[in-house]
């Protein structure tokens, strides 16, 4: 006779079940697990899905492959681990479409920059520039997280980024929010920073 699990109450067969009863109980168990997981996660496929990993060494820019952004996901996260960079360089980002960077003045953003040696923020903004500022590095190890909103939709693509770097003897944090001023669809991006070595990973947010 079938019994149930102690936590979720899923029906499971016992050793005394007939074969046909055991098969029925296993089918019921599978359906119950499927329903419980969908309820717990809120979707069939919650979380983020790794789409691409690209390693690079001693370069001034790195691009995600074409079609990294698609209609499968609305929003994306890009994580960049920089093992080394040139001293005193500002990192920037451009969106790409069909293998080409958008270098026109369609980028608008604001930023806040702070170091461990300073209790006040340096703030700035740009309304019509040819890229998004992401951060400033004085060499060494940097870490970047960039969330990208709606790159493949017919609306303005947005970003929100956090840059963790170093300036001289001090550590730095930089926060950037921005939008494109046009509603072009983009399937990739290019990240710029002088003489950088590291890894870039792109993830899609499941929905």
N, C-alpha and C. Protein backbone atom coordinates (compact mmCIF):
# COMPACT_ATOMS: atom_id res chain seq x y z
N UNK A 1 0.85 -1.19 0.00
CA UNK A 1 0.00 0.00 0.00
C UNK A 1 0.89 1.24 0.00
N UNK A 2 0.60 2.20 -0.85
CA UNK A 2 1.42 3.40 -0.95
C UNK A 2 1.35 4.20 0.34
N UNK A 3 2.45 4.90 0.63
CA UNK A 3 2.51 5.79 1.78
C UNK A 3 2.90 7.19 1.31
N UNK A 4 3.13 8.13 2.22
CA UNK A 4 3.48 9.49 1.84
C UNK A 4 4.77 9.92 2.53
N UNK A 5 5.47 10.90 1.90
CA UNK A 5 6.70 11.41 2.48
C UNK A 5 6.39 12.32 3.67
N UNK A 6 7.31 12.42 4.65
CA UNK A 6 7.00 13.15 5.89
C UNK A 6 6.88 14.66 5.74
N UNK A 7 7.61 15.27 4.76
CA UNK A 7 7.61 16.74 4.68
C UNK A 7 6.57 17.29 3.71
N UNK A 8 6.54 16.75 2.50
CA UNK A 8 5.64 17.28 1.48
C UNK A 8 4.39 16.43 1.26
N UNK A 9 4.36 15.25 1.86
CA UNK A 9 3.19 14.40 1.68
C UNK A 9 3.08 13.81 0.30
N UNK A 10 4.23 13.62 -0.40
CA UNK A 10 4.21 13.00 -1.71
C UNK A 10 3.92 11.51 -1.56
N UNK A 11 3.09 11.01 -2.44
CA UNK A 11 2.75 9.58 -2.41
C UNK A 11 3.90 8.76 -3.00
N UNK A 12 4.34 7.76 -2.26
CA UNK A 12 5.43 6.89 -2.70
C UNK A 12 5.04 5.42 -2.48
N UNK A 13 5.56 4.52 -3.32
CA UNK A 13 5.23 3.10 -3.15
C UNK A 13 6.00 2.50 -1.98
N UNK A 14 5.49 1.43 -1.45
CA UNK A 14 6.18 0.67 -0.41
C UNK A 14 6.56 -0.70 -0.97
N UNK A 15 7.39 -1.42 -0.23
CA UNK A 15 7.89 -2.71 -0.71
C UNK A 15 6.79 -3.75 -0.84
N UNK A 16 5.66 -3.52 -0.18
CA UNK A 16 4.56 -4.51 -0.24
C UNK A 16 3.58 -4.24 -1.38
N UNK A 17 3.78 -3.16 -2.13
CA UNK A 17 2.87 -2.84 -3.23
C UNK A 17 3.00 -3.86 -4.36
N UNK A 18 1.91 -4.08 -5.04
CA UNK A 18 1.97 -4.81 -6.29
C UNK A 18 2.68 -3.94 -7.34
N UNK A 19 3.18 -4.56 -8.38
CA UNK A 19 3.91 -3.82 -9.40
C UNK A 19 3.08 -2.68 -9.98
N UNK A 20 1.81 -3.00 -10.31
CA UNK A 20 0.97 -1.97 -10.91
C UNK A 20 0.69 -0.83 -9.94
N UNK A 21 0.56 -1.15 -8.64
CA UNK A 21 0.33 -0.10 -7.66
C UNK A 21 1.58 0.76 -7.49
N UNK A 22 2.75 0.12 -7.52
CA UNK A 22 4.00 0.86 -7.41
C UNK A 22 4.19 1.81 -8.58
N UNK A 23 3.87 1.36 -9.77
CA UNK A 23 4.00 2.21 -10.94
C UNK A 23 3.07 3.42 -10.84
N UNK A 24 1.86 3.19 -10.39
CA UNK A 24 0.91 4.29 -10.22
C UNK A 24 1.41 5.29 -9.18
N UNK A 25 1.96 4.74 -8.07
CA UNK A 25 2.47 5.61 -7.01
C UNK A 25 3.66 6.44 -7.50
N UNK A 26 4.54 5.85 -8.32
CA UNK A 26 5.68 6.58 -8.86
C UNK A 26 5.21 7.70 -9.79
N UNK A 27 4.22 7.41 -10.62
CA UNK A 27 3.66 8.45 -11.48
C UNK A 27 3.09 9.59 -10.65
N UNK A 28 2.37 9.25 -9.59
CA UNK A 28 1.81 10.27 -8.71
C UNK A 28 2.91 11.07 -8.03
N UNK A 29 3.97 10.37 -7.62
CA UNK A 29 5.11 11.05 -7.00
C UNK A 29 5.75 12.05 -7.95
N UNK A 30 5.96 11.64 -9.20
CA UNK A 30 6.57 12.55 -10.18
C UNK A 30 5.74 13.79 -10.40
N UNK A 31 4.43 13.63 -10.51
CA UNK A 31 3.54 14.77 -10.70
C UNK A 31 3.58 15.70 -9.49
N UNK A 32 3.64 15.10 -8.28
CA UNK A 32 3.65 15.91 -7.06
C UNK A 32 4.94 16.71 -6.94
N UNK A 33 6.08 16.09 -7.27
CA UNK A 33 7.35 16.80 -7.22
C UNK A 33 7.37 17.94 -8.23
N UNK A 34 6.87 17.67 -9.43
CA UNK A 34 6.82 18.68 -10.48
C UNK A 34 6.00 19.88 -10.03
N UNK A 35 4.83 19.62 -9.42
CA UNK A 35 3.97 20.70 -8.97
C UNK A 35 4.59 21.47 -7.81
N UNK A 36 5.24 20.75 -6.90
CA UNK A 36 5.86 21.41 -5.74
C UNK A 36 7.01 22.31 -6.17
N UNK A 37 7.84 21.83 -7.10
CA UNK A 37 8.97 22.63 -7.57
C UNK A 37 8.49 23.88 -8.30
N UNK A 38 7.46 23.74 -9.10
CA UNK A 38 6.94 24.89 -9.84
C UNK A 38 6.38 25.93 -8.88
N UNK A 39 5.72 25.46 -7.80
CA UNK A 39 5.18 26.38 -6.80
C UNK A 39 6.31 27.06 -6.03
N UNK A 40 7.31 26.28 -5.63
CA UNK A 40 8.42 26.82 -4.84
C UNK A 40 9.24 27.84 -5.62
N UNK A 41 9.50 27.57 -6.91
CA UNK A 41 10.34 28.43 -7.72
C UNK A 41 9.57 29.54 -8.41
N UNK A 42 8.25 29.37 -8.53
CA UNK A 42 7.43 30.37 -9.20
C UNK A 42 7.47 30.28 -10.71
N UNK A 43 8.17 29.32 -11.25
CA UNK A 43 8.30 29.15 -12.69
C UNK A 43 8.92 27.79 -12.96
N UNK A 44 8.89 27.36 -14.20
CA UNK A 44 9.54 26.10 -14.56
C UNK A 44 11.06 26.21 -14.50
N UNK A 45 11.58 27.40 -14.66
CA UNK A 45 13.03 27.57 -14.76
C UNK A 45 13.44 28.90 -14.13
N UNK A 46 13.45 28.92 -12.81
CA UNK A 46 13.79 30.15 -12.09
C UNK A 46 15.29 30.36 -12.06
N UNK A 47 15.68 31.58 -11.68
CA UNK A 47 17.10 31.88 -11.53
C UNK A 47 17.71 32.41 -12.81
N UNK A 48 19.04 32.27 -12.91
CA UNK A 48 19.78 32.76 -14.06
C UNK A 48 20.40 31.59 -14.82
N UNK A 49 20.51 31.75 -16.12
CA UNK A 49 21.10 30.73 -16.98
C UNK A 49 22.38 31.29 -17.59
N UNK A 50 23.49 30.57 -17.42
CA UNK A 50 24.76 30.99 -18.01
C UNK A 50 24.68 30.85 -19.53
N UNK A 51 24.93 31.95 -20.24
CA UNK A 51 24.84 31.96 -21.70
C UNK A 51 26.20 31.92 -22.37
N UNK A 52 27.20 32.51 -21.74
CA UNK A 52 28.51 32.56 -22.38
C UNK A 52 29.59 32.87 -21.35
N UNK A 53 30.76 32.28 -21.53
CA UNK A 53 31.96 32.61 -20.76
C UNK A 53 33.09 32.87 -21.74
N UNK A 54 33.71 34.03 -21.64
CA UNK A 54 34.83 34.38 -22.52
C UNK A 54 36.01 34.85 -21.67
N UNK A 55 37.17 34.22 -21.86
CA UNK A 55 38.40 34.64 -21.19
C UNK A 55 39.22 35.49 -22.15
N UNK A 56 39.99 36.44 -21.62
CA UNK A 56 40.77 37.34 -22.45
C UNK A 56 42.06 37.71 -21.72
N UNK A 57 43.06 38.15 -22.46
CA UNK A 57 44.35 38.48 -21.86
C UNK A 57 45.02 39.62 -22.60
N UNK A 58 45.38 40.69 -21.88
CA UNK A 58 46.13 41.81 -22.45
C UNK A 58 45.43 42.56 -23.55
N UNK A 59 44.08 42.67 -23.47
CA UNK A 59 43.31 43.33 -24.52
C UNK A 59 42.75 44.65 -24.01
N UNK A 60 42.33 45.51 -24.94
CA UNK A 60 41.72 46.79 -24.59
C UNK A 60 40.20 46.76 -24.67
N UNK A 61 39.66 45.68 -25.23
CA UNK A 61 38.20 45.53 -25.29
C UNK A 61 37.86 44.06 -25.44
N UNK A 62 36.65 43.71 -25.02
CA UNK A 62 36.16 42.34 -25.19
C UNK A 62 34.66 42.42 -25.48
N UNK A 63 34.20 41.63 -26.46
CA UNK A 63 32.80 41.63 -26.86
C UNK A 63 32.17 40.28 -26.56
N UNK A 64 30.93 40.30 -26.14
CA UNK A 64 30.16 39.07 -26.06
C UNK A 64 29.84 38.60 -27.48
N UNK A 65 29.63 37.30 -27.70
CA UNK A 65 29.29 36.82 -29.04
C UNK A 65 27.99 37.44 -29.55
N UNK A 66 27.88 37.55 -30.84
CA UNK A 66 26.62 38.01 -31.43
C UNK A 66 25.48 37.11 -30.99
N UNK A 67 24.31 37.70 -30.79
CA UNK A 67 23.09 36.98 -30.39
C UNK A 67 23.17 36.43 -28.96
N UNK A 68 24.07 36.97 -28.13
CA UNK A 68 24.03 36.62 -26.71
C UNK A 68 22.70 37.06 -26.10
N UNK A 69 22.22 38.24 -26.48
CA UNK A 69 20.90 38.70 -26.06
C UNK A 69 19.89 38.27 -27.14
N UNK A 70 18.78 37.72 -26.69
CA UNK A 70 17.76 37.23 -27.62
C UNK A 70 16.39 37.46 -27.02
N UNK A 71 15.37 37.02 -27.74
CA UNK A 71 14.00 37.17 -27.24
C UNK A 71 13.67 36.17 -26.13
N UNK A 72 14.58 35.26 -25.84
CA UNK A 72 14.34 34.27 -24.78
C UNK A 72 14.24 34.93 -23.42
N UNK A 73 15.03 35.97 -23.19
CA UNK A 73 15.06 36.65 -21.89
C UNK A 73 14.86 38.15 -22.09
N UNK A 74 14.21 38.78 -21.11
CA UNK A 74 14.07 40.24 -21.15
C UNK A 74 15.30 40.93 -20.58
N UNK A 75 15.85 40.35 -19.51
CA UNK A 75 16.92 41.01 -18.76
C UNK A 75 18.13 40.09 -18.60
N UNK A 76 19.30 40.70 -18.40
CA UNK A 76 20.55 39.95 -18.38
C UNK A 76 21.47 40.48 -17.28
N UNK A 77 22.39 39.62 -16.85
CA UNK A 77 23.46 40.04 -15.94
C UNK A 77 24.80 39.66 -16.56
N UNK A 78 25.73 40.61 -16.54
CA UNK A 78 27.09 40.37 -17.01
C UNK A 78 28.03 40.56 -15.82
N UNK A 79 28.88 39.57 -15.57
CA UNK A 79 29.86 39.63 -14.49
C UNK A 79 31.25 39.57 -15.11
N UNK A 80 32.09 40.54 -14.75
CA UNK A 80 33.45 40.63 -15.28
C UNK A 80 34.44 40.55 -14.13
N UNK A 81 35.32 39.57 -14.19
CA UNK A 81 36.41 39.44 -13.23
C UNK A 81 37.71 39.84 -13.91
N UNK A 82 38.31 40.93 -13.47
CA UNK A 82 39.55 41.42 -14.06
C UNK A 82 40.71 41.10 -13.14
N UNK A 83 41.62 40.27 -13.62
CA UNK A 83 42.79 39.91 -12.83
C UNK A 83 43.84 41.01 -12.86
N UNK A 84 43.88 41.78 -13.94
CA UNK A 84 44.83 42.90 -14.05
C UNK A 84 44.35 43.86 -15.12
N UNK A 85 44.71 45.15 -14.95
CA UNK A 85 44.40 46.19 -15.93
C UNK A 85 45.53 47.23 -15.89
N UNK A 86 45.52 48.14 -16.85
CA UNK A 86 46.46 49.26 -16.82
C UNK A 86 46.09 50.23 -15.71
N UNK A 87 47.07 50.97 -15.23
CA UNK A 87 46.85 51.94 -14.18
C UNK A 87 46.17 53.19 -14.74
N UNK A 88 45.22 53.71 -13.97
CA UNK A 88 44.61 54.99 -14.31
C UNK A 88 43.73 54.97 -15.53
N UNK A 89 42.86 53.96 -15.67
CA UNK A 89 42.00 53.87 -16.85
C UNK A 89 40.53 53.83 -16.46
N UNK A 90 39.71 54.48 -17.26
CA UNK A 90 38.26 54.44 -17.09
C UNK A 90 37.68 53.34 -17.97
N UNK A 91 36.83 52.52 -17.41
CA UNK A 91 36.20 51.45 -18.19
C UNK A 91 34.85 51.94 -18.72
N UNK A 92 34.50 51.49 -19.92
CA UNK A 92 33.27 51.91 -20.56
C UNK A 92 32.59 50.72 -21.24
N UNK A 93 31.37 50.94 -21.69
CA UNK A 93 30.59 49.89 -22.34
C UNK A 93 29.83 50.46 -23.53
N UNK A 94 29.77 49.68 -24.59
CA UNK A 94 28.91 50.00 -25.73
C UNK A 94 28.07 48.78 -26.08
N UNK A 95 26.85 49.03 -26.50
CA UNK A 95 26.01 47.94 -26.98
C UNK A 95 26.33 47.64 -28.44
N UNK A 96 26.04 46.40 -28.83
CA UNK A 96 26.33 45.94 -30.19
C UNK A 96 25.07 45.39 -30.85
N UNK A 97 25.02 45.50 -32.16
CA UNK A 97 23.94 44.91 -32.96
C UNK A 97 24.54 44.38 -34.26
N UNK A 98 24.29 43.12 -34.55
CA UNK A 98 24.77 42.49 -35.79
C UNK A 98 26.28 42.65 -35.98
N UNK A 99 27.03 42.52 -34.88
CA UNK A 99 28.48 42.53 -34.97
C UNK A 99 29.15 43.89 -34.94
N UNK A 100 28.37 44.98 -34.75
CA UNK A 100 28.95 46.33 -34.73
C UNK A 100 28.56 47.07 -33.46
N UNK A 101 29.53 47.81 -32.88
CA UNK A 101 29.25 48.63 -31.71
C UNK A 101 28.41 49.85 -32.11
N UNK A 102 27.52 50.26 -31.22
CA UNK A 102 26.82 51.52 -31.39
C UNK A 102 27.71 52.62 -30.79
N UNK A 103 28.37 53.38 -31.65
CA UNK A 103 29.28 54.43 -31.20
C UNK A 103 28.68 55.83 -31.35
N UNK A 104 27.39 55.89 -31.62
CA UNK A 104 26.73 57.19 -31.74
C UNK A 104 26.40 57.74 -30.35
N UNK A 105 25.99 58.99 -30.30
CA UNK A 105 25.74 59.67 -29.02
C UNK A 105 24.34 59.34 -28.50
N UNK A 106 24.13 58.08 -28.14
CA UNK A 106 22.84 57.61 -27.68
C UNK A 106 22.86 57.12 -26.23
N UNK A 107 23.91 57.47 -25.49
CA UNK A 107 24.08 56.97 -24.13
C UNK A 107 23.85 58.09 -23.13
N UNK A 108 23.04 57.83 -22.11
CA UNK A 108 22.80 58.80 -21.04
C UNK A 108 22.91 58.08 -19.70
N UNK A 109 23.66 58.66 -18.76
CA UNK A 109 23.86 57.96 -17.49
C UNK A 109 24.23 58.94 -16.39
N UNK A 110 24.16 58.45 -15.16
CA UNK A 110 24.67 59.16 -13.99
C UNK A 110 25.51 58.18 -13.18
N UNK A 111 26.45 58.71 -12.40
CA UNK A 111 27.30 57.81 -11.60
C UNK A 111 27.66 58.44 -10.27
N UNK A 112 28.00 57.58 -9.31
CA UNK A 112 28.53 57.98 -8.02
C UNK A 112 29.80 57.18 -7.77
N UNK A 113 30.84 57.88 -7.33
CA UNK A 113 32.16 57.26 -7.17
C UNK A 113 32.68 57.60 -5.78
N UNK A 114 33.19 56.60 -5.06
CA UNK A 114 33.71 56.83 -3.72
C UNK A 114 34.92 55.94 -3.50
N UNK A 115 35.88 56.42 -2.69
CA UNK A 115 37.04 55.62 -2.31
C UNK A 115 37.04 55.44 -0.79
N UNK A 116 37.81 54.49 -0.32
CA UNK A 116 37.89 54.24 1.13
C UNK A 116 38.60 55.37 1.86
N UNK A 117 39.22 56.27 1.12
CA UNK A 117 39.92 57.40 1.75
C UNK A 117 39.04 58.64 1.83
N UNK A 118 37.80 58.54 1.37
CA UNK A 118 36.96 59.73 1.24
C UNK A 118 35.56 59.43 1.77
N UNK A 119 34.98 60.37 2.50
CA UNK A 119 33.64 60.17 3.03
C UNK A 119 32.57 60.83 2.17
N UNK A 120 32.94 61.44 1.07
CA UNK A 120 31.98 62.08 0.18
C UNK A 120 32.00 61.42 -1.19
N UNK A 121 30.88 61.51 -1.88
CA UNK A 121 30.75 60.95 -3.22
C UNK A 121 31.20 61.95 -4.27
N UNK A 122 31.86 61.43 -5.30
CA UNK A 122 32.03 62.20 -6.53
C UNK A 122 30.90 61.79 -7.46
N UNK A 123 30.17 62.74 -7.98
CA UNK A 123 29.02 62.44 -8.82
C UNK A 123 29.22 63.03 -10.21
N UNK A 124 28.56 62.44 -11.17
CA UNK A 124 28.64 62.96 -12.52
C UNK A 124 27.53 62.42 -13.38
N UNK A 125 27.38 62.98 -14.57
CA UNK A 125 26.36 62.50 -15.49
C UNK A 125 26.75 62.87 -16.92
N UNK A 126 26.15 62.19 -17.86
CA UNK A 126 26.31 62.50 -19.28
C UNK A 126 25.00 62.20 -19.98
N UNK A 127 24.58 63.11 -20.85
CA UNK A 127 23.29 62.95 -21.53
C UNK A 127 23.43 62.47 -22.97
N UNK A 128 24.47 62.88 -23.65
CA UNK A 128 24.67 62.47 -25.04
C UNK A 128 26.14 62.14 -25.23
N UNK A 129 26.50 60.92 -24.91
CA UNK A 129 27.87 60.48 -25.07
C UNK A 129 27.90 59.16 -25.83
N UNK A 130 29.08 58.71 -26.20
CA UNK A 130 29.19 57.56 -27.11
C UNK A 130 29.40 56.23 -26.38
N UNK A 131 29.26 56.22 -25.05
CA UNK A 131 29.37 54.97 -24.29
C UNK A 131 28.84 55.19 -22.88
N UNK A 132 28.69 54.10 -22.14
CA UNK A 132 28.38 54.18 -20.72
C UNK A 132 29.68 54.10 -19.93
N UNK A 133 29.90 55.01 -19.02
CA UNK A 133 31.00 54.87 -18.06
C UNK A 133 30.62 53.73 -17.11
N UNK A 134 31.60 52.88 -16.76
CA UNK A 134 31.36 51.79 -15.83
C UNK A 134 32.18 51.95 -14.55
N UNK A 135 33.46 52.35 -14.67
CA UNK A 135 34.27 52.51 -13.47
C UNK A 135 35.64 53.07 -13.80
N UNK A 136 36.43 53.28 -12.72
CA UNK A 136 37.80 53.76 -12.87
C UNK A 136 38.73 52.82 -12.11
N UNK A 137 39.84 52.45 -12.75
CA UNK A 137 40.78 51.52 -12.15
C UNK A 137 42.20 52.09 -12.14
N UNK A 138 42.90 51.82 -11.06
CA UNK A 138 44.30 52.19 -10.98
C UNK A 138 45.19 50.95 -11.08
N UNK A 139 44.68 49.94 -11.77
CA UNK A 139 45.41 48.69 -11.93
C UNK A 139 45.06 47.68 -10.86
N UNK A 140 45.45 46.44 -11.07
CA UNK A 140 45.17 45.41 -10.08
C UNK A 140 43.91 44.65 -10.40
N UNK A 141 43.25 44.15 -9.36
CA UNK A 141 42.07 43.31 -9.51
C UNK A 141 40.80 44.14 -9.43
N UNK A 142 39.93 44.02 -10.42
CA UNK A 142 38.64 44.72 -10.44
C UNK A 142 37.52 43.71 -10.64
N UNK A 143 36.33 44.06 -10.12
CA UNK A 143 35.16 43.21 -10.27
C UNK A 143 33.98 44.07 -10.71
N UNK A 144 33.23 43.60 -11.68
CA UNK A 144 32.15 44.38 -12.27
C UNK A 144 30.89 43.53 -12.37
N UNK A 145 29.76 44.09 -11.97
CA UNK A 145 28.44 43.48 -12.18
C UNK A 145 27.59 44.46 -12.96
N UNK A 146 27.01 44.03 -14.07
CA UNK A 146 26.18 44.89 -14.90
C UNK A 146 24.85 44.20 -15.18
N UNK A 147 23.75 44.81 -14.77
CA UNK A 147 22.42 44.34 -15.13
C UNK A 147 21.94 45.12 -16.34
N UNK A 148 21.38 44.41 -17.31
CA UNK A 148 20.94 45.00 -18.58
C UNK A 148 19.47 44.71 -18.76
N UNK A 149 18.69 45.75 -19.04
CA UNK A 149 17.25 45.64 -19.11
C UNK A 149 16.75 45.86 -20.54
N UNK A 150 16.01 44.89 -21.04
CA UNK A 150 15.28 45.00 -22.31
C UNK A 150 16.16 45.29 -23.54
N UNK A 151 17.30 44.63 -23.70
CA UNK A 151 18.12 44.95 -24.87
C UNK A 151 17.49 44.56 -26.20
N UNK A 152 16.58 43.57 -26.18
CA UNK A 152 15.99 43.10 -27.44
C UNK A 152 14.55 43.58 -27.65
N UNK A 153 14.08 44.47 -26.78
CA UNK A 153 12.73 45.00 -26.92
C UNK A 153 12.76 46.36 -27.61
N UNK A 154 11.63 46.76 -28.15
CA UNK A 154 11.53 48.06 -28.83
C UNK A 154 11.26 49.16 -27.82
N UNK A 155 12.09 49.21 -26.78
CA UNK A 155 12.06 50.25 -25.76
C UNK A 155 13.50 50.63 -25.46
N UNK A 156 13.70 51.65 -24.64
CA UNK A 156 15.06 52.04 -24.28
C UNK A 156 15.74 50.96 -23.45
N UNK A 157 16.93 50.58 -23.84
CA UNK A 157 17.71 49.62 -23.07
C UNK A 157 18.35 50.34 -21.89
N UNK A 158 18.27 49.72 -20.71
CA UNK A 158 18.83 50.32 -19.51
C UNK A 158 19.92 49.47 -18.90
N UNK A 159 20.78 50.10 -18.09
CA UNK A 159 21.80 49.36 -17.36
C UNK A 159 21.86 49.87 -15.92
N UNK A 160 22.35 49.01 -15.06
CA UNK A 160 22.71 49.38 -13.70
C UNK A 160 23.94 48.57 -13.35
N UNK A 161 25.01 49.24 -12.95
CA UNK A 161 26.27 48.52 -12.74
C UNK A 161 26.93 48.90 -11.42
N UNK A 162 27.74 47.97 -10.92
CA UNK A 162 28.56 48.19 -9.74
C UNK A 162 29.99 47.81 -10.09
N UNK A 163 30.92 48.71 -9.82
CA UNK A 163 32.33 48.49 -10.11
C UNK A 163 33.11 48.51 -8.80
N UNK A 164 33.91 47.49 -8.57
CA UNK A 164 34.72 47.37 -7.36
C UNK A 164 36.18 47.36 -7.79
N UNK A 165 36.90 48.47 -7.54
CA UNK A 165 38.26 48.57 -8.05
C UNK A 165 39.22 49.18 -7.05
N UNK A 166 40.25 49.85 -7.55
CA UNK A 166 41.32 50.36 -6.71
C UNK A 166 41.86 51.65 -7.32
N UNK A 167 42.15 52.63 -6.46
CA UNK A 167 42.79 53.88 -6.88
C UNK A 167 43.94 54.15 -5.92
N UNK A 168 45.16 53.98 -6.39
CA UNK A 168 46.30 54.13 -5.51
C UNK A 168 46.25 53.10 -4.39
N UNK A 169 46.35 53.57 -3.15
CA UNK A 169 46.28 52.67 -1.99
C UNK A 169 44.85 52.44 -1.53
N UNK A 170 43.89 53.05 -2.22
CA UNK A 170 42.50 53.00 -1.77
C UNK A 170 41.65 52.12 -2.66
N UNK A 171 40.64 51.53 -2.06
CA UNK A 171 39.66 50.77 -2.82
C UNK A 171 38.53 51.70 -3.25
N UNK A 172 37.93 51.41 -4.39
CA UNK A 172 36.90 52.28 -4.94
C UNK A 172 35.61 51.50 -5.21
N UNK A 173 34.51 52.22 -5.13
CA UNK A 173 33.22 51.69 -5.54
C UNK A 173 32.58 52.71 -6.47
N UNK A 174 31.98 52.21 -7.54
CA UNK A 174 31.30 53.11 -8.48
C UNK A 174 29.97 52.49 -8.88
N UNK A 175 28.94 53.33 -8.87
CA UNK A 175 27.59 52.88 -9.19
C UNK A 175 27.07 53.71 -10.36
N UNK A 176 26.59 53.03 -11.39
CA UNK A 176 26.16 53.70 -12.62
C UNK A 176 24.75 53.25 -12.98
N UNK A 177 23.90 54.21 -13.36
CA UNK A 177 22.57 53.90 -13.90
C UNK A 177 22.44 54.67 -15.20
N UNK A 178 21.89 54.02 -16.23
CA UNK A 178 21.76 54.72 -17.50
C UNK A 178 20.76 54.08 -18.43
N UNK A 179 20.43 54.81 -19.48
CA UNK A 179 19.54 54.32 -20.53
C UNK A 179 20.04 54.80 -21.89
N UNK A 180 19.71 54.02 -22.90
CA UNK A 180 19.91 54.49 -24.26
C UNK A 180 18.82 55.50 -24.60
N UNK A 181 19.14 56.48 -25.43
CA UNK A 181 18.15 57.48 -25.82
C UNK A 181 17.36 57.05 -27.06
N UNK A 182 17.66 55.84 -27.56
CA UNK A 182 16.94 55.30 -28.71
C UNK A 182 16.39 53.92 -28.33
N UNK A 183 15.51 53.39 -29.16
CA UNK A 183 14.87 52.10 -28.84
C UNK A 183 15.39 50.97 -29.73
N UNK A 184 16.63 51.10 -30.15
CA UNK A 184 17.27 50.05 -30.97
C UNK A 184 17.40 48.77 -30.19
N UNK A 185 17.29 47.62 -30.87
CA UNK A 185 17.53 46.32 -30.24
C UNK A 185 19.02 45.98 -30.34
N UNK A 186 19.56 45.40 -29.26
CA UNK A 186 20.98 45.04 -29.22
C UNK A 186 21.12 43.56 -28.84
N UNK A 187 22.05 42.86 -29.50
CA UNK A 187 22.22 41.43 -29.21
C UNK A 187 23.53 41.11 -28.50
N UNK A 188 24.32 42.18 -28.17
CA UNK A 188 25.60 41.94 -27.52
C UNK A 188 26.11 43.25 -26.94
N UNK A 189 27.32 43.23 -26.39
CA UNK A 189 27.96 44.45 -25.88
C UNK A 189 29.47 44.30 -25.98
N UNK A 190 30.15 45.43 -25.87
CA UNK A 190 31.61 45.46 -25.79
C UNK A 190 32.02 46.22 -24.55
N UNK A 191 32.96 45.64 -23.80
CA UNK A 191 33.50 46.27 -22.59
C UNK A 191 34.92 46.73 -22.88
N UNK A 192 35.24 47.98 -22.50
CA UNK A 192 36.54 48.57 -22.79
C UNK A 192 37.29 48.89 -21.49
N UNK A 193 38.53 48.45 -21.42
CA UNK A 193 39.44 48.85 -20.36
C UNK A 193 40.85 48.46 -20.79
N UNK A 194 41.82 49.34 -20.58
CA UNK A 194 43.14 49.14 -21.16
C UNK A 194 43.88 47.93 -20.57
N UNK A 195 44.47 47.16 -21.45
CA UNK A 195 45.37 46.06 -21.11
C UNK A 195 44.79 45.19 -20.00
N UNK A 196 43.62 44.66 -20.25
CA UNK A 196 42.95 43.89 -19.20
C UNK A 196 43.05 42.39 -19.48
N UNK A 197 43.10 41.66 -18.39
CA UNK A 197 43.11 40.20 -18.42
C UNK A 197 42.06 39.69 -17.44
N UNK A 198 41.23 38.76 -17.90
CA UNK A 198 40.19 38.26 -17.02
C UNK A 198 39.16 37.42 -17.74
N UNK A 199 37.94 37.45 -17.20
CA UNK A 199 36.83 36.64 -17.73
C UNK A 199 35.55 37.45 -17.69
N UNK A 200 34.74 37.31 -18.75
CA UNK A 200 33.42 37.92 -18.79
C UNK A 200 32.38 36.81 -18.94
N UNK A 201 31.33 36.88 -18.16
CA UNK A 201 30.25 35.88 -18.21
C UNK A 201 28.92 36.59 -18.37
N UNK A 202 28.06 36.04 -19.21
CA UNK A 202 26.73 36.60 -19.44
C UNK A 202 25.67 35.59 -19.00
N UNK A 203 24.66 36.08 -18.28
CA UNK A 203 23.57 35.24 -17.80
C UNK A 203 22.23 35.85 -18.24
N UNK A 204 21.27 34.99 -18.50
CA UNK A 204 19.91 35.46 -18.75
C UNK A 204 19.06 35.24 -17.51
N UNK A 205 18.22 36.24 -17.18
CA UNK A 205 17.29 36.10 -16.08
C UNK A 205 16.06 35.32 -16.58
N UNK A 206 15.82 34.17 -15.98
CA UNK A 206 14.63 33.42 -16.35
C UNK A 206 13.38 34.15 -15.88
N UNK A 207 12.27 33.88 -16.56
CA UNK A 207 11.02 34.57 -16.25
C UNK A 207 9.84 33.61 -16.31
